[in-house]
Each structure stands twice: as C-alpha cells, then as structure tokens.
Amino acid sequence: MVIPQPSASLDRRDFLRSSAAAGIGLAALPRRAGPVFRDSELRVLSIGVVGTVGQLDRREVNGHPNARIVGLCDVDANHLQKAAGEHPDAFTCRDYREAFAKHGDAFDAVIVSTPDHSHAPIMLTAFAHDKHVYGQKPLVQQLEELQRMDRALAAKPRLVTQLGNQRMVFPGRRAAVEILRQGQLGKAIAAHAWTGAPSGDYYFNMQGETSAPKSPPEHLDWDLWLGPCEAIDYRDGFAPVRWRSAWEYGTNGLGDWGCHILDVIFFGFDELLSPIAVMTECAAAAGPEFHTQPCRSTITYAVDSQRFANKVFPIHYSDSAQAPSRAALGLPPGSWGDANMTVVVCEGGVLTLTAGGKLEIWRDGKREDGMQMPNLPEFPKLNHWHAWVDNCLGIETELRTPFKDAVRITEAALLAVKASRYPGEELAWDRANLRFTNHEEASKTLVRRAYREGFAPPELG
C-alpha cells in the first residue's frame, strides 16, 4: 500500500485504511544526535486509546517496526478493554498521573489523544518525565498554555514532538509550502482559510441537545475525564466524543481544524510570529457553556519583510463553510473543491489548496497545476506517525508538525475561537504579557483557566 493521491477530502477512516505502509526505510536515513534506546525500540504509552482519533494514532505508531505500545491509559473502561485486547502485554491504568508515577521507567514516549482541555496537563507531565510526545490538535486549549509549552520546549530541546497533523504528508501541501517560501507568487497580501466544521457527530447542536445532570455511566470515570476543569455533574453527550462544542473542553470547528488549514501559511512564512489583533464576527456571542457559530475571524500580524506587500498581514479564518468571494480574489466562478480550504493571495497570483492536497495556482483568472511550478523538490512518501518514531529513535526524517510550529498555528486558531465571546470587537493581543491591551475583561476571561487541584500542568523552565 502507498499513500493515496490527494483528494478533495480525507477522513480518519480513509487515513487508517490507506497510510499504514507508507513509511520511509530506516536503514537509508542518517542517525541524529539523541537518546539511544534499548534494542532500538521505542516503547510508547498511549493515553486516550479510542475516542475520535486515539485508536488511529495508537495503531499507526504501533505499526512501525521499531515501536511498541507498552502502556494504555483511558478514563473509559470500555475503551481500555478494547485496546488491551490488541496489546495484551501492555500495562493499563485510568489515570495518566498513575502511569507516570508507577510505570515511568517502562516507556520512552507518549501519545496524547485526549479531549482538548487535558492536552497541556498531560503533555507537560510527559515533558517533565523526559518523554517524547505525539499530541493531538489543537496543541493546547488555553492561550496561557502556549507560554507553558514554549518554556517546556526550551527546557527539553532533545525531546521529539509531533502534532496530529497527518494531512501534511500530501505532496500538494508540502509543495504549497515550498512555493510560498520561495516567493514564486511575489509578495503576500492576505490569507483565507475556512472549514466546513462544526458538523457531524463530533459536535453538539448547542444548547438544545444536552440533558439534565445525571450519574455518569459506570464505565466512565467522569472525575478523571474532567481533569483540570471545574467539577460538575455529568450530562449525556459530552463524553466520549461530543465535547468539542463545549467552551470548557473543546475549541469547536475553528480549533479542531486549525492545524489542517492554517499550517501551510505558517510553514510558508516564518515571519508570522504572534498576532497583534483579532476580531471574530458571529451572530451571537459564545456563552459560558457552549461555543458559537458561524464565525468569521480576522487575525492580524505585523510584518516587516520584503516578502509581504504591506506592513500587516491578515488571515481571514471562518467556520461553517463560509468561503470568500471568488470574484473578490480575482478568480472565475466555480467550486472550491472542498469544505476545508487554504488560500493565499499574492501580488503575482493566488494559491488555493484543499485539505486533501489539491494545489492550484491562479494568474489573471487562469488556473495552473500547482505541482508543475518550477524549482519544486521531490516529495518522497512519508508516514506521519512513523516519522515521529524515526526521529525519537535518532533517525532524521521530515516532521510535520513539531510543537515549535504547532504553537504558532494553535495561537491563531485559539484567538479566533476565544474572541467569539466578544463578537465584532477587535482585541489587541500582547502574547508576551498574556493580555488584550485594550480589553481588561477579555484578559480576565479568555486567557487562562483555574486548574483544579491535582491536575495543574507542571512548570518547566
């Protein structure tokens, strides 16, 4: 099997069926400075073993010839039992803190495939125990957690990290990065990205779908599921998969899809460090319990580079399939080809890219095949999960996306999400001081959470 040709869209089931055997051979790659593992085997703890993507992450990593799942951790006993049937020799536990405290010597690396609100506490605990980390997106759920992650990366530079951004293996997506980095379309003016989410079974239809408080099912440890969040009563729907639309636990469509459609913009432009402002427009403000939709956000960056047409570079980011006008971008009428898109407008043309990697270049209203642009390198087949394992074992392969890049991508997505609490208000962002300089209330309500005792992330650096 090989990785399929890019298509308009690719869901996780498609990826599971099609990508397992698309890794790069270990013998042909150089060694990198790093830890040496017993028998050249990476021993991995999987946290969040089924859920929306945990099963895929676990199976793909375990499919590497030099990786083995040695531990399983999940707050859902049914999920844990299912995974244990596939890994009968692995230790099991329901509390990730127990895994590190009692079994820390048994594993070298961690997969974190849990709901958004628990990412930072678990990932930073892994850093504190010197474990390599594969973590699902978005990287963190709180803006303040981005700084925690920066400090952890600086304190533990030898640890290998990878965000769950599997679509970056597509040649079209990698080619888009090269085209932007080489400046083949001239100075950049603006970027547009949009997702069809929230839709489907992973999201609530907001307030109308939740039930009255009740006892959680016996197989779910609700207290552990809540983790760092305030202790509240269980209600049907939040777990195991429909937490994404809840303000305290998820990041709705914008956060869920940020790494898959904003990534190319940040890989293409290193100058986009941290935004200076964000404004999200939506019909109603997000409430204390649920996110809101549809949302249109503008995330503005100050730039001082000859690669940009102006001193500011805006990223227009929307959910609910809110696409921009093709005519306004100089494109003829037609279909975008996908509900999840990235578009970069430059002085010399427009780059359009589907989540599945279909790449087009438009000049003067005429379409060109983006894969035929000059000076593009070869794009060898790449298995997203195996690349992480290779690098953990000291073997250099292309990594998309290490956490240092994930921080920038996640910051943009989180700002768009959080600003929905104050729709239509432009919030001036100062990341260094973790505040909105023109909005004291937003600074108090959007930046950080009060961690529940026993679940706060460890401080590093």
Protein backbone atom coordinates (compact mmCIF):
# COMPACT_ATOMS: atom_id res chain seq x y z
CA MET A 1 0.00 0.00 0.00
CA VAL A 2 1.03 3.62 -0.58
CA ILE A 3 -0.37 6.95 0.50
CA PRO A 4 -3.29 7.77 -1.84
CA GLN A 5 -3.22 10.63 -4.30
CA PRO A 6 -4.61 13.83 -2.78
CA SER A 7 -8.38 14.04 -2.93
CA ALA A 8 -10.92 16.70 -2.08
CA SER A 9 -11.12 15.47 1.47
CA LEU A 10 -9.80 12.63 3.58
CA ASP A 11 -11.37 11.44 6.79
CA ARG A 12 -9.69 9.46 9.53
CA ARG A 13 -11.11 6.14 8.38
CA ASP A 14 -9.61 6.71 4.92
CA PHE A 15 -6.28 7.51 6.51
CA LEU A 16 -6.36 4.38 8.64
CA ARG A 17 -7.00 2.20 5.60
CA SER A 18 -4.53 3.83 3.27
CA SER A 19 -1.43 5.09 5.04
CA ALA A 20 -0.15 2.29 7.23
CA ALA A 21 2.59 1.09 4.90
CA ALA A 22 3.85 4.40 3.58
CA GLY A 23 6.87 4.86 5.87
CA ILE A 24 10.47 5.57 4.88
CA GLY A 25 13.00 2.79 5.28
CA LEU A 26 15.09 3.17 8.41
CA ALA A 27 18.40 1.96 7.01
CA ALA A 28 18.56 4.67 4.34
CA LEU A 29 18.32 7.57 6.78
CA PRO A 30 21.06 9.24 8.81
CA ARG A 31 21.37 8.95 12.56
CA ARG A 32 20.73 12.06 14.62
CA ALA A 33 22.12 13.02 17.97
CA GLY A 34 19.74 11.90 20.66
CA PRO A 35 18.89 9.20 23.17
CA VAL A 36 19.77 5.59 22.47
CA PHE A 37 17.00 3.09 23.19
CA ARG A 38 17.32 -0.49 24.26
CA ASP A 39 17.33 -2.76 21.21
CA SER A 40 16.48 0.33 19.08
CA GLU A 41 12.85 0.05 20.13
CA LEU A 42 10.61 2.92 21.08
CA ARG A 43 8.33 1.96 23.97
CA VAL A 44 5.14 4.02 23.85
CA LEU A 45 2.36 4.83 26.30
CA SER A 46 -0.97 5.57 24.61
CA ILE A 47 -3.26 7.95 26.52
CA GLY A 48 -6.75 8.18 25.07
CA VAL A 49 -6.80 4.85 23.30
CA VAL A 50 -10.00 5.02 21.22
CA GLY A 51 -12.19 8.18 21.22
CA THR A 52 -12.24 10.20 17.99
CA VAL A 53 -8.66 9.52 16.89
CA GLY A 54 -6.85 7.61 19.66
CA GLN A 55 -7.27 4.24 18.00
CA LEU A 56 -5.79 5.53 14.74
CA ASP A 57 -2.79 7.12 16.48
CA ARG A 58 -2.13 4.02 18.56
CA ARG A 59 -2.33 1.57 15.66
CA GLU A 60 -0.26 3.69 13.30
CA VAL A 61 2.56 4.17 15.83
CA ASN A 62 2.48 0.52 16.80
CA GLY A 63 2.74 -0.36 13.10
CA HIS A 64 6.27 0.99 12.96
CA PRO A 65 8.70 -1.97 13.00
CA ASN A 66 10.70 -0.39 15.83
CA ALA A 67 7.87 0.85 18.05
CA ARG A 68 5.69 -0.97 20.55
CA ILE A 69 2.71 0.09 22.64
CA VAL A 70 3.67 -0.91 26.17
CA GLY A 71 1.06 1.05 28.14
CA LEU A 72 -2.60 2.01 27.80
CA CYS A 73 -4.41 4.74 29.71
CA ASP A 74 -8.02 5.82 29.32
CA VAL A 75 -10.76 7.11 31.60
CA ASP A 76 -13.28 4.92 29.75
CA ALA A 77 -13.07 1.28 30.87
CA ASN A 78 -14.74 0.08 27.66
CA HIS A 79 -12.12 1.79 25.53
CA LEU A 80 -9.36 0.48 27.73
CA GLN A 81 -10.66 -3.08 27.44
CA LYS A 82 -10.89 -2.82 23.66
CA ALA A 83 -7.33 -1.58 23.31
CA ALA A 84 -6.00 -4.12 25.81
CA GLY A 85 -7.28 -6.87 23.53
CA GLU A 86 -4.90 -5.58 20.85
CA HIS A 87 -1.96 -5.14 23.24
CA PRO A 88 -2.27 -7.93 25.81
CA ASP A 89 1.20 -7.32 27.28
CA ALA A 90 0.70 -3.61 27.89
CA PHE A 91 0.06 -2.23 31.37
CA THR A 92 -3.26 -0.45 31.83
CA CYS A 93 -4.50 2.40 34.02
CA ARG A 94 -7.24 5.01 34.01
CA ASP A 95 -5.32 7.96 35.49
CA TYR A 96 -2.41 9.36 33.46
CA ARG A 97 -0.73 10.53 36.66
CA GLU A 98 -0.56 6.92 37.81
CA ALA A 99 1.05 5.92 34.52
CA PHE A 100 3.93 8.32 35.05
CA ALA A 101 4.26 7.69 38.80
CA LYS A 102 4.16 3.87 38.70
CA HIS A 103 5.30 2.95 35.19
CA GLY A 104 7.58 5.80 34.18
CA ASP A 105 10.55 3.52 33.56
CA ALA A 106 8.56 1.29 31.22
CA PHE A 107 8.10 3.76 28.34
CA ASP A 108 10.10 6.32 26.36
CA ALA A 109 7.36 8.24 24.57
CA VAL A 110 3.70 9.19 24.90
CA ILE A 111 0.73 9.54 22.55
CA VAL A 112 -1.81 12.08 23.88
CA SER A 113 -5.14 11.61 22.08
CA THR A 114 -7.47 13.09 24.67
CA PRO A 115 -10.00 15.97 24.67
CA ASP A 116 -8.54 19.44 24.20
CA HIS A 117 -8.83 20.58 27.81
CA SER A 118 -6.48 17.86 29.05
CA HIS A 119 -3.72 18.29 26.44
CA ALA A 120 -1.48 20.70 28.33
CA PRO A 121 -1.57 18.91 31.71
CA ILE A 122 -0.72 15.55 30.15
CA MET A 123 1.81 16.75 27.58
CA LEU A 124 3.68 18.89 30.08
CA THR A 125 3.74 16.00 32.55
CA ALA A 126 5.36 13.94 29.79
CA PHE A 127 7.96 16.68 29.26
CA ALA A 128 8.69 16.73 32.99
CA HIS A 129 9.39 12.99 32.80
CA ASP A 130 11.63 13.36 29.71
CA LYS A 131 9.27 11.57 27.35
CA HIS A 132 8.91 12.25 23.64
CA VAL A 133 5.37 13.42 22.82
CA TYR A 134 2.94 12.87 19.97
CA GLY A 135 -0.04 15.10 20.77
CA GLN A 136 -3.38 15.65 19.14
CA LYS A 137 -4.61 19.02 17.94
CA PRO A 138 -5.16 21.72 18.90
CA LEU A 139 -1.92 21.69 20.84
CA VAL A 140 -3.48 23.33 23.92
CA GLN A 141 -6.88 24.77 24.89
CA GLN A 142 -5.87 27.93 26.74
CA LEU A 143 -3.81 30.87 25.48
CA GLU A 144 -1.69 30.88 28.63
CA GLU A 145 -0.76 27.26 27.95
CA LEU A 146 1.12 28.36 24.82
CA GLN A 147 3.68 30.07 27.05
CA ARG A 148 3.92 26.97 29.22
CA MET A 149 4.63 24.94 26.11
CA ASP A 150 7.29 27.42 24.94
CA ARG A 151 9.08 27.09 28.27
CA ALA A 152 8.88 23.31 28.16
CA LEU A 153 10.33 23.18 24.64
CA ALA A 154 13.20 25.43 25.69
CA ALA A 155 13.85 23.33 28.80
CA LYS A 156 13.74 19.97 26.96
CA PRO A 157 15.18 20.62 23.47
CA ARG A 158 16.13 16.98 22.83
CA LEU A 159 12.59 15.66 23.14
CA VAL A 160 10.89 14.92 19.81
CA THR A 161 7.38 16.28 19.38
CA GLN A 162 4.74 15.89 16.70
CA LEU A 163 1.24 17.34 16.39
CA GLY A 164 -1.57 15.23 14.91
CA ASN A 165 -1.38 16.96 11.52
CA GLN A 166 -1.42 13.92 9.24
CA ARG A 167 -2.57 15.76 6.11
CA MET A 168 0.85 17.41 5.76
CA VAL A 169 2.17 14.20 4.18
CA PHE A 170 0.38 15.06 0.92
CA PRO A 171 2.75 16.27 -1.80
CA GLY A 172 0.40 19.13 -2.68
CA ARG A 173 0.53 20.54 0.82
CA ARG A 174 4.31 20.26 1.00
CA ALA A 175 4.60 21.84 -2.46
CA ALA A 176 2.43 24.77 -1.33
CA VAL A 177 4.90 25.47 1.46
CA GLU A 178 7.81 25.48 -0.98
CA ILE A 179 6.03 27.83 -3.39
CA LEU A 180 5.35 30.31 -0.60
CA ARG A 181 8.81 30.05 0.90
CA GLN A 182 10.44 30.62 -2.49
CA GLY A 183 8.22 33.63 -3.16
CA GLN A 184 7.16 32.30 -6.53
CA LEU A 185 3.93 34.32 -6.46
CA GLY A 186 5.51 37.56 -5.32
CA LYS A 187 4.72 39.49 -2.17
CA ALA A 188 1.95 38.10 0.04
CA ILE A 189 -1.14 40.24 0.61
CA ALA A 190 -3.56 38.14 2.71
CA ALA A 191 -4.61 34.59 3.52
CA HIS A 192 -8.03 32.96 3.77
CA ALA A 193 -8.83 29.65 5.44
CA TRP A 194 -12.17 28.06 6.20
CA THR A 195 -13.61 24.81 7.42
CA GLY A 196 -16.96 23.11 6.99
CA ALA A 197 -16.94 22.26 10.69
CA PRO A 198 -18.72 22.21 13.08
CA SER A 199 -20.78 19.42 11.57
CA GLY A 200 -21.37 15.73 12.11
CA ASP A 201 -21.33 13.59 15.21
CA TYR A 202 -18.27 15.26 16.81
CA TYR A 203 -20.19 18.44 17.68
CA PHE A 204 -23.23 19.46 19.66
CA ASN A 205 -26.11 21.34 18.11
CA MET A 206 -25.53 23.65 21.04
CA GLN A 207 -27.90 24.06 23.97
CA GLY A 208 -30.77 22.07 22.50
CA GLU A 209 -29.07 18.68 22.77
CA THR A 210 -27.89 18.41 26.36
CA SER A 211 -29.91 16.67 29.02
CA ALA A 212 -30.34 17.18 32.73
CA PRO A 213 -27.48 16.22 35.08
CA LYS A 214 -27.31 12.52 35.85
CA SER A 215 -24.96 9.84 37.13
CA PRO A 216 -22.18 9.04 34.64
CA PRO A 217 -22.12 5.56 33.07
CA GLU A 218 -20.20 3.02 35.13
CA HIS A 219 -17.51 2.56 32.51
CA LEU A 220 -16.58 6.29 32.52
CA ASP A 221 -14.55 7.92 35.29
CA TRP A 222 -16.13 11.34 34.96
CA ASP A 223 -13.89 12.98 37.55
CA LEU A 224 -10.77 11.94 35.65
CA TRP A 225 -12.36 12.98 32.35
CA LEU A 226 -12.91 16.50 33.74
CA GLY A 227 -9.26 16.61 34.80
CA PRO A 228 -8.18 20.25 35.17
CA CYS A 229 -11.70 21.66 34.80
CA GLU A 230 -14.19 22.53 37.49
CA ALA A 231 -16.05 19.53 38.92
CA ILE A 232 -19.60 19.49 37.51
CA ASP A 233 -22.32 16.89 37.09
CA TYR A 234 -22.27 14.57 34.09
CA ARG A 235 -24.76 15.03 31.25
CA ASP A 236 -25.32 12.86 28.22
CA GLY A 237 -23.36 13.77 25.16
CA PHE A 238 -20.19 15.41 26.46
CA ALA A 239 -18.22 12.18 26.57
CA PRO A 240 -16.84 10.37 24.75
CA VAL A 241 -16.82 12.48 21.57
CA ARG A 242 -19.21 15.47 21.58
CA TRP A 243 -17.24 17.70 23.89
CA ARG A 244 -15.79 19.81 21.05
CA SER A 245 -18.55 22.43 21.15
CA ALA A 246 -18.33 22.92 24.92
CA TRP A 247 -16.43 26.07 25.95
CA GLU A 248 -14.51 24.45 28.80
CA TYR A 249 -13.43 21.30 26.97
CA GLY A 250 -13.22 21.91 23.22
CA THR A 251 -12.47 24.58 20.63
CA ASN A 252 -15.32 23.95 18.17
CA GLY A 253 -14.68 23.88 14.42
CA LEU A 254 -12.07 26.64 14.32
CA GLY A 255 -9.86 24.96 16.90
CA ASP A 256 -10.44 21.46 15.62
CA TRP A 257 -9.41 22.27 12.04
CA GLY A 258 -6.81 24.99 12.61
CA CYS A 259 -3.75 22.80 12.18
CA HIS A 260 -5.11 21.29 8.96
CA ILE A 261 -5.75 24.53 7.08
CA LEU A 262 -3.64 27.23 8.78
CA ASP A 263 -0.47 25.12 8.85
CA VAL A 264 0.74 25.85 5.30
CA ILE A 265 0.52 29.60 5.95
CA PHE A 266 2.84 29.37 8.94
CA PHE A 267 5.23 26.92 7.32
CA GLY A 268 5.42 29.28 4.35
CA PHE A 269 6.04 32.43 6.38
CA ASP A 270 8.37 32.25 9.37
CA GLU A 271 7.76 35.96 9.93
CA LEU A 272 4.27 35.31 11.32
CA LEU A 273 5.28 35.06 14.96
CA SER A 274 2.34 36.31 17.05
CA PRO A 275 -0.73 38.33 16.06
CA ILE A 276 -1.24 41.93 17.09
CA ALA A 277 -5.04 41.74 16.98
CA VAL A 278 -8.04 39.50 16.43
CA MET A 279 -11.69 40.20 15.67
CA THR A 280 -14.32 37.48 15.36
CA GLU A 281 -17.75 38.23 13.97
CA CYS A 282 -20.68 35.98 14.80
CA ALA A 283 -24.43 36.35 15.17
CA ALA A 284 -24.37 35.72 18.93
CA ALA A 285 -21.60 35.73 21.49
CA ALA A 286 -20.28 32.45 22.82
CA GLY A 287 -21.67 31.72 26.26
CA PRO A 288 -20.05 30.24 29.34
CA GLU A 289 -21.12 26.74 28.34
CA PHE A 290 -21.00 26.49 24.54
CA HIS A 291 -19.09 27.90 21.61
CA THR A 292 -20.99 29.78 18.92
CA GLN A 293 -21.23 29.51 15.16
CA PRO A 294 -20.99 30.54 12.39
CA CYS A 295 -17.86 32.63 12.99
CA ARG A 296 -15.67 34.79 10.75
CA SER A 297 -12.39 35.91 12.25
CA THR A 298 -9.58 38.22 11.14
CA ILE A 299 -6.22 37.57 12.76
CA THR A 300 -3.73 40.36 12.00
CA TYR A 301 0.07 40.13 12.07
CA ALA A 302 2.57 42.98 11.94
CA VAL A 303 5.31 42.17 9.40
CA ASP A 304 8.49 43.93 8.37
CA SER A 305 9.73 41.89 5.44
CA GLN A 306 10.13 42.26 1.70
CA ARG A 307 8.10 39.07 1.33
CA PHE A 308 4.89 40.96 2.19
CA ALA A 309 3.10 43.68 0.25
CA ASN A 310 2.15 45.65 3.36
CA LYS A 311 3.18 46.16 6.97
CA VAL A 312 0.33 43.98 8.17
CA PHE A 313 -0.75 40.53 7.01
CA PRO A 314 -4.32 39.42 7.78
CA ILE A 315 -5.51 35.82 7.99
CA HIS A 316 -9.26 35.55 7.44
CA TYR A 317 -10.43 32.37 9.17
CA SER A 318 -14.01 31.05 9.16
CA ASP A 319 -16.07 28.02 10.12
CA SER A 320 -19.38 26.61 8.84
CA ALA A 321 -18.14 26.53 5.21
CA GLN A 322 -18.11 30.35 4.92
CA ALA A 323 -15.98 30.75 1.81
CA PRO A 324 -14.82 34.14 0.49
CA SER A 325 -15.98 35.61 -2.80
CA ARG A 326 -14.06 34.13 -5.70
CA ALA A 327 -14.59 37.29 -7.75
CA ALA A 328 -13.07 39.42 -4.99
CA LEU A 329 -9.94 37.28 -5.18
CA GLY A 330 -9.71 37.56 -8.95
CA LEU A 331 -10.96 34.03 -9.62
CA PRO A 332 -13.70 32.99 -12.06
CA PRO A 333 -16.98 31.49 -10.83
CA GLY A 334 -16.69 27.87 -9.74
CA SER A 335 -16.41 25.41 -6.91
CA TRP A 336 -13.65 25.47 -4.33
CA GLY A 337 -13.48 21.68 -4.39
CA ASP A 338 -13.57 21.15 -0.62
CA ALA A 339 -15.26 22.43 2.50
CA ASN A 340 -11.83 22.87 4.13
CA MET A 341 -9.56 25.24 2.21
CA THR A 342 -6.47 27.44 2.37
CA VAL A 343 -6.00 30.39 0.01
CA VAL A 344 -3.00 32.74 -0.09
CA VAL A 345 -3.32 35.93 -2.14
CA CYS A 346 -0.07 37.35 -3.50
CA GLU A 347 0.80 40.15 -5.91
CA GLY A 348 1.66 37.62 -8.62
CA GLY A 349 -1.14 35.14 -8.21
CA VAL A 350 -3.40 33.21 -5.86
CA LEU A 351 -2.61 29.82 -4.32
CA THR A 352 -5.56 27.57 -3.47
CA LEU A 353 -5.24 24.31 -1.57
CA THR A 354 -7.70 21.71 -0.33
CA ALA A 355 -7.20 19.88 2.95
CA GLY A 356 -6.53 16.77 0.86
CA GLY A 357 -3.68 18.43 -1.03
CA LYS A 358 -5.15 19.53 -4.36
CA LEU A 359 -2.99 22.52 -5.26
CA GLU A 360 -3.88 25.18 -7.84
CA ILE A 361 -2.26 28.45 -8.88
CA TRP A 362 -4.35 31.23 -10.44
CA ARG A 363 -2.89 34.06 -12.50
CA ASP A 364 -5.10 36.58 -14.29
CA GLY A 365 -8.09 34.29 -13.77
CA LYS A 366 -6.39 31.28 -15.38
CA ARG A 367 -5.69 28.07 -13.49
CA GLU A 368 -2.36 26.25 -13.38
CA ASP A 369 -1.42 22.92 -11.82
CA GLY A 370 0.48 23.85 -8.69
CA MET A 371 2.54 20.67 -8.83
CA GLN A 372 4.06 21.88 -12.11
CA MET A 373 5.55 25.04 -10.61
CA PRO A 374 9.32 25.35 -11.18
CA ASN A 375 12.03 24.52 -8.63
CA LEU A 376 9.92 22.13 -6.57
CA PRO A 377 11.88 19.32 -4.89
CA GLU A 378 10.85 15.70 -4.86
CA PHE A 379 8.36 14.79 -2.16
CA PRO A 380 9.12 11.23 -1.02
CA LYS A 381 6.35 9.18 0.52
CA LEU A 382 6.05 9.92 4.20
CA ASN A 383 4.18 8.23 7.02
CA HIS A 384 3.21 10.93 9.50
CA TRP A 385 3.30 8.71 12.61
CA HIS A 386 6.38 6.74 11.60
CA ALA A 387 8.31 9.98 11.04
CA TRP A 388 7.82 10.78 14.72
CA VAL A 389 9.03 7.33 15.75
CA ASP A 390 12.06 7.62 13.46
CA ASN A 391 13.09 10.92 14.99
CA CYS A 392 12.55 9.63 18.51
CA LEU A 393 14.97 6.81 17.64
CA GLY A 394 17.54 9.31 16.39
CA ILE A 395 16.87 8.93 12.68
CA GLU A 396 16.20 12.14 10.77
CA THR A 397 13.03 12.33 8.72
CA GLU A 398 10.71 15.20 7.81
CA LEU A 399 8.50 16.15 10.76
CA ARG A 400 5.19 17.95 10.20
CA THR A 401 4.32 19.37 12.73
CA PRO A 402 6.73 19.68 15.69
CA PHE A 403 5.36 21.57 18.67
CA LYS A 404 7.51 24.65 17.99
CA ASP A 405 5.46 25.19 14.82
CA ALA A 406 2.25 23.97 16.44
CA VAL A 407 2.45 26.82 18.97
CA ARG A 408 2.10 29.47 16.24
CA ILE A 409 -0.68 27.60 14.43
CA THR A 410 -2.59 26.98 17.66
CA GLU A 411 -2.26 30.58 18.82
CA ALA A 412 -4.04 31.87 15.71
CA ALA A 413 -6.84 29.30 16.00
CA LEU A 414 -7.34 29.89 19.73
CA LEU A 415 -7.51 33.65 19.33
CA ALA A 416 -10.21 33.26 16.68
CA VAL A 417 -12.15 30.96 19.00
CA LYS A 418 -11.78 32.98 22.18
CA ALA A 419 -12.68 36.29 20.53
CA SER A 420 -16.15 34.89 19.80
CA ARG A 421 -17.02 35.87 23.39
CA TYR A 422 -16.84 39.49 22.23
CA PRO A 423 -18.12 39.43 18.66
CA GLY A 424 -17.28 42.39 16.47
CA GLU A 425 -14.78 43.80 18.96
CA GLU A 426 -11.16 43.99 17.84
CA LEU A 427 -8.94 42.73 20.62
CA ALA A 428 -5.32 43.95 20.67
CA TRP A 429 -3.17 40.96 21.68
CA ASP A 430 0.09 41.06 23.64
CA ARG A 431 1.30 37.50 23.93
CA ALA A 432 4.45 38.35 25.90
CA ASN A 433 2.28 39.67 28.72
CA LEU A 434 -0.73 37.42 28.08
CA ARG A 435 -3.23 40.23 27.84
CA PHE A 436 -5.51 42.08 25.49
CA THR A 437 -4.19 45.59 25.88
CA ASN A 438 -7.48 47.29 25.06
CA HIS A 439 -9.88 44.98 26.84
CA GLU A 440 -9.41 44.20 30.52
CA GLU A 441 -12.44 41.95 30.71
CA ALA A 442 -11.20 39.82 27.80
CA SER A 443 -7.84 39.49 29.51
CA LYS A 444 -9.55 38.18 32.63
CA THR A 445 -11.91 35.77 30.87
CA LEU A 446 -10.14 34.44 27.76
CA VAL A 447 -6.51 33.79 28.59
CA ARG A 448 -6.24 31.12 31.28
CA ARG A 449 -8.16 28.65 33.41
CA ALA A 450 -8.07 28.00 37.13
CA TYR A 451 -6.80 24.43 37.27
CA ARG A 452 -8.49 22.02 39.59
CA GLU A 453 -6.26 20.87 42.44
CA GLY A 454 -4.15 17.90 41.43
CA PHE A 455 -4.45 18.46 37.68
CA ALA A 456 -2.40 21.59 37.00
CA PRO A 457 0.39 21.22 34.42
CA PRO A 458 3.88 21.09 35.90
CA GLU A 459 6.05 24.17 35.40
CA LEU A 460 9.16 23.73 33.28
CA GLY A 461 11.86 26.24 32.50
